[in-house]
Amino acid sequence: MHASAPELLTLRLTSQAPAEHGRQCCGGEVTLLLEPVLGARPHVAVFGFGHVGLELARILSRLPLHLHLIDSREAQFSPERLAGLQEAEAQLHLHPSRFPR
């Protein structure tokens, strides 16, 4: 089933607050804006390209989408860390800054 209107999804990121998709220990809350896009290649942004972001990027890179990797630490974008992502299905967009431009 495809959504026909934008939707906000809020998830709690605490070990004390149960959420529909489990518990997280890192704290905070995240709100996602989900917008239906017909006929376009979707864009996915990963903010923070540490060990978790890298693993998430490896999974997402197998899909036909635009994958934006954002991190203020330029060393996170070393060729060694990006190996295996360059030949993937996703189109990579590297943003070595705090916010994408």
Protein backbone atom coordinates (compact mmCIF):
# COMPACT_ATOMS: atom_id res chain seq x y z
CA MET A 1 0.00 0.00 0.00
CA HIS A 2 1.36 3.41 -0.97
CA ALA A 3 0.83 6.58 1.02
CA SER A 4 -0.82 9.47 -0.78
CA ALA A 5 0.02 12.29 1.67
CA PRO A 6 3.06 13.33 3.74
CA GLU A 7 3.26 11.79 7.20
CA LEU A 8 5.27 12.59 10.34
CA LEU A 9 6.64 9.65 12.31
CA THR A 10 8.12 10.30 15.78
CA LEU A 11 10.27 7.68 17.50
CA ARG A 12 11.64 7.84 21.05
CA LEU A 13 15.28 6.82 21.42
CA THR A 14 15.47 5.81 25.07
CA SER A 15 15.69 2.48 26.82
CA GLN A 16 12.82 3.50 29.13
CA ALA A 17 10.32 4.56 26.46
CA PRO A 18 9.00 1.64 24.45
CA ALA A 19 8.31 2.36 20.82
CA GLU A 20 6.65 0.34 18.11
CA HIS A 21 10.06 -0.63 16.69
CA GLY A 22 11.84 -1.51 19.94
CA ARG A 23 14.01 0.38 22.40
CA GLN A 24 17.13 2.45 21.88
CA CYS A 25 19.71 3.38 24.50
CA CYS A 26 21.24 6.46 22.84
CA GLY A 27 18.54 8.86 24.04
CA GLY A 28 16.49 11.61 22.46
CA GLU A 29 13.72 11.58 19.95
CA VAL A 30 13.62 11.72 16.18
CA THR A 31 10.82 12.87 13.90
CA LEU A 32 10.83 11.70 10.31
CA LEU A 33 8.95 13.34 7.46
CA LEU A 34 7.78 10.66 5.07
CA GLU A 35 6.68 12.01 1.72
CA PRO A 36 5.36 9.91 -1.16
CA VAL A 37 7.34 10.35 -4.36
CA LEU A 38 6.04 8.76 -7.52
CA GLY A 39 8.41 7.81 -10.30
CA ALA A 40 11.47 9.41 -8.72
CA ARG A 41 14.56 7.85 -7.22
CA PRO A 42 14.25 8.39 -3.45
CA HIS A 43 16.81 10.29 -1.39
CA VAL A 44 18.00 8.97 1.98
CA ALA A 45 20.27 10.98 4.28
CA VAL A 46 22.43 9.41 6.99
CA PHE A 47 23.57 12.03 9.51
CA GLY A 48 26.69 10.73 11.25
CA PHE A 49 28.96 8.38 9.35
CA GLY A 50 30.53 6.53 12.28
CA HIS A 51 30.41 2.76 12.74
CA VAL A 52 26.57 2.62 12.80
CA GLY A 53 26.22 5.03 9.87
CA LEU A 54 28.72 3.00 7.85
CA GLU A 55 26.80 -0.24 8.38
CA LEU A 56 23.54 1.50 7.52
CA ALA A 57 25.14 2.92 4.36
CA ARG A 58 26.31 -0.58 3.35
CA ILE A 59 22.75 -1.85 3.56
CA LEU A 60 21.17 1.16 1.87
CA SER A 61 23.79 1.25 -0.91
CA ARG A 62 22.27 -1.92 -2.38
CA LEU A 63 19.05 -0.06 -3.21
CA PRO A 64 18.30 2.19 -6.21
CA LEU A 65 18.33 5.53 -4.39
CA HIS A 66 20.36 8.67 -3.76
CA LEU A 67 22.34 8.07 -0.57
CA HIS A 68 23.54 11.22 1.21
CA LEU A 69 26.24 10.64 3.84
CA ILE A 70 26.72 13.60 6.18
CA ASP A 71 29.44 13.96 8.82
CA SER A 72 31.55 16.90 10.02
CA ARG A 73 34.60 14.61 10.41
CA GLU A 74 36.30 14.50 6.99
CA ALA A 75 38.32 11.44 8.01
CA GLN A 76 35.08 9.45 7.97
CA PHE A 77 35.11 9.74 4.17
CA SER A 78 38.51 8.11 3.64
CA PRO A 79 38.83 5.80 0.61
CA GLU A 80 39.28 2.82 2.93
CA ARG A 81 35.96 3.45 4.69
CA LEU A 82 34.15 4.06 1.39
CA ALA A 83 35.45 0.87 -0.22
CA GLY A 84 32.55 -1.32 -1.20
CA LEU A 85 30.10 1.58 -1.38
CA GLN A 86 31.39 3.05 -4.64
CA GLU A 87 30.27 0.12 -6.80
CA ALA A 88 26.83 -0.12 -5.22
CA GLU A 89 23.41 0.47 -6.76
CA ALA A 90 22.84 3.72 -4.87
CA GLN A 91 24.18 7.03 -6.10
CA LEU A 92 26.44 8.32 -3.32
CA HIS A 93 26.53 11.96 -2.25
CA LEU A 94 29.23 12.77 0.30
CA HIS A 95 28.76 15.78 2.56
CA PRO A 96 31.84 16.28 4.78
CA SER A 97 30.12 19.07 6.72
CA ARG A 98 27.73 19.51 9.57
CA PHE A 99 24.81 20.18 7.23
CA PRO A 100 24.43 19.28 3.54
CA ARG A 101 24.65 22.15 1.10
